[in-house]
C-alpha atoms as a PDB file:
ATOM      1  CA  MET A   1       0.000   0.000   0.000  1.00  0.00           C
ATOM      2  CA  PRO A   2       1.527   3.362  -0.971  1.00  0.00           C
ATOM      3  CA  PHE A   3       1.709   5.688   2.022  1.00  0.00           C
ATOM      4  CA  ALA A   4       2.705   9.342   2.416  1.00  0.00           C
ATOM      5  CA  ASN A   5       2.867  11.269   5.680  1.00  0.00           C
ATOM      6  CA  PHE A   6       3.034  15.068   5.539  1.00  0.00           C
ATOM      7  CA  LYS A   7       3.786  16.875   8.785  1.00  0.00           C
ATOM      8  CA  VAL A   8       2.932  20.579   8.645  1.00  0.00           C
ATOM      9  CA  PRO A   9       2.778  23.381  11.229  1.00  0.00           C
ATOM     10  CA  ALA A  10      -0.712  23.512  12.765  1.00  0.00           C
ATOM     11  CA  GLY A  11      -3.018  26.107  11.259  1.00  0.00           C
ATOM     12  CA  THR A  12      -0.974  26.765   8.113  1.00  0.00           C
ATOM     13  CA  LEU A  13      -3.201  24.878   5.677  1.00  0.00           C
ATOM     14  CA  ASP A  14      -6.930  25.164   5.103  1.00  0.00           C
ATOM     15  CA  GLU A  15      -9.142  22.189   4.284  1.00  0.00           C
ATOM     16  CA  LYS A  16      -8.903  22.781   0.530  1.00  0.00           C
ATOM     17  CA  GLN A  17      -5.097  22.776   0.667  1.00  0.00           C
ATOM     18  CA  LYS A  18      -5.073  19.531   2.655  1.00  0.00           C
ATOM     19  CA  GLU A  19      -7.442  17.997   0.121  1.00  0.00           C
ATOM     20  CA  GLU A  20      -5.094  19.083  -2.673  1.00  0.00           C
ATOM     21  CA  ILE A  21      -2.145  17.386  -0.953  1.00  0.00           C
ATOM     22  CA  VAL A  22      -4.147  14.156  -0.656  1.00  0.00           C
ATOM     23  CA  THR A  23      -5.398  14.305  -4.249  1.00  0.00           C
ATOM     24  CA  ARG A  24      -2.085  15.217  -5.874  1.00  0.00           C
ATOM     25  CA  THR A  25      -0.125  12.687  -3.835  1.00  0.00           C
ATOM     26  CA  THR A  26      -2.583   9.959  -4.770  1.00  0.00           C
ATOM     27  CA  GLU A  27      -2.307  10.942  -8.432  1.00  0.00           C
ATOM     28  CA  LEU A  28       1.484  10.772  -8.199  1.00  0.00           C
ATOM     29  CA  TYR A  29       1.360   7.223  -6.845  1.00  0.00           C
ATOM     30  CA  VAL A  30      -1.119   6.257  -9.568  1.00  0.00           C
ATOM     31  CA  GLU A  31       1.236   7.739 -12.154  1.00  0.00           C
ATOM     32  CA  ILE A  32       4.087   5.630 -10.795  1.00  0.00           C
ATOM     33  CA  TYR A  33       2.323   2.368  -9.901  1.00  0.00           C
ATOM     34  CA  GLY A  34      -0.711   2.455 -12.144  1.00  0.00           C
ATOM     35  CA  GLU A  35      -4.414   2.707 -11.437  1.00  0.00           C
ATOM     36  CA  ARG A  36      -4.299  -0.292  -9.091  1.00  0.00           C
ATOM     37  CA  ALA A  37      -2.624   1.944  -6.476  1.00  0.00           C
ATOM     38  CA  ARG A  38      -5.520   4.426  -6.210  1.00  0.00           C
ATOM     39  CA  ALA A  39      -7.764   2.413  -3.896  1.00  0.00           C
ATOM     40  CA  ASN A  40      -4.896   1.519  -1.574  1.00  0.00           C
ATOM     41  CA  THR A  41      -3.026   4.811  -1.340  1.00  0.00           C
ATOM     42  CA  MET A  42      -3.039   6.341   2.135  1.00  0.00           C
ATOM     43  CA  VAL A  43      -2.082   9.995   2.608  1.00  0.00           C
ATOM     44  CA  LEU A  44      -1.865  11.469   6.087  1.00  0.00           C
ATOM     45  CA  VAL A  45      -1.655  15.242   6.606  1.00  0.00           C
ATOM     46  CA  GLU A  46      -0.601  15.668  10.198  1.00  0.00           C
ATOM     47  CA  GLU A  47      -0.595  19.051  11.936  1.00  0.00           C
ATOM     48  CA  VAL A  48       2.210  19.587  14.441  1.00  0.00           C
ATOM     49  CA  THR A  49       1.638  22.049  17.277  1.00  0.00           C
ATOM     50  CA  ASP A  50       3.664  25.244  17.218  1.00  0.00           C
ATOM     51  CA  GLY A  51       7.110  24.683  18.664  1.00  0.00           C
ATOM     52  CA  GLY A  52       6.713  20.912  18.384  1.00  0.00           C
ATOM     53  CA  TRP A  53       9.364  20.484  15.706  1.00  0.00           C
ATOM     54  CA  GLY A  54      12.796  21.690  14.762  1.00  0.00           C
ATOM     55  CA  ILE A  55      15.647  21.586  12.283  1.00  0.00           C
ATOM     56  CA  GLY A  56      19.330  21.211  13.045  1.00  0.00           C
ATOM     57  CA  GLY A  57      18.742  20.907  16.775  1.00  0.00           C
ATOM     58  CA  ASP A  58      16.790  24.170  16.985  1.00  0.00           C
ATOM     59  CA  VAL A  59      13.102  24.288  17.919  1.00  0.00           C
ATOM     60  CA  LEU A  60      11.153  26.270  15.342  1.00  0.00           C
ATOM     61  CA  THR A  61       7.937  28.220  15.684  1.00  0.00           C
ATOM     62  CA  LEU A  62       5.578  29.589  13.079  1.00  0.00           C
ATOM     63  CA  ALA A  63       6.595  33.141  14.037  1.00  0.00           C
ATOM     64  CA  MET A  64      10.228  32.291  13.294  1.00  0.00           C
ATOM     65  CA  LEU A  65       9.326  30.872   9.884  1.00  0.00           C
ATOM     66  CA  GLU A  66       7.276  33.932   8.953  1.00  0.00           C
ATOM     67  CA  GLN A  67      10.249  36.249   9.498  1.00  0.00           C
ATOM     68  CA  SER A  68      11.845  37.295   6.236  1.00  0.00           C
ATOM     69  CA  PRO A  69      15.460  36.213   5.807  1.00  0.00           C
ATOM     70  CA  GLU A  70      18.010  38.937   6.350  1.00  0.00           C
ATOM     71  CA  ALA A  71      19.681  40.202   3.190  1.00  0.00           C
END
């Protein structure tokens, strides 16, 4: 069974965007494995609470991500 797990910051996607992730991911698996994959493809869009994730050993928050990079 094809499976994809997307972890995103909580509150950053609306329902339509989540639906698009599910639909497009499913279509990608169908493109790769053929139509037989459609009925068995599982896509999970998981919202992570703010501050509940990090990169490179640093905890990140949504506020930090929204800051524009310094030039």
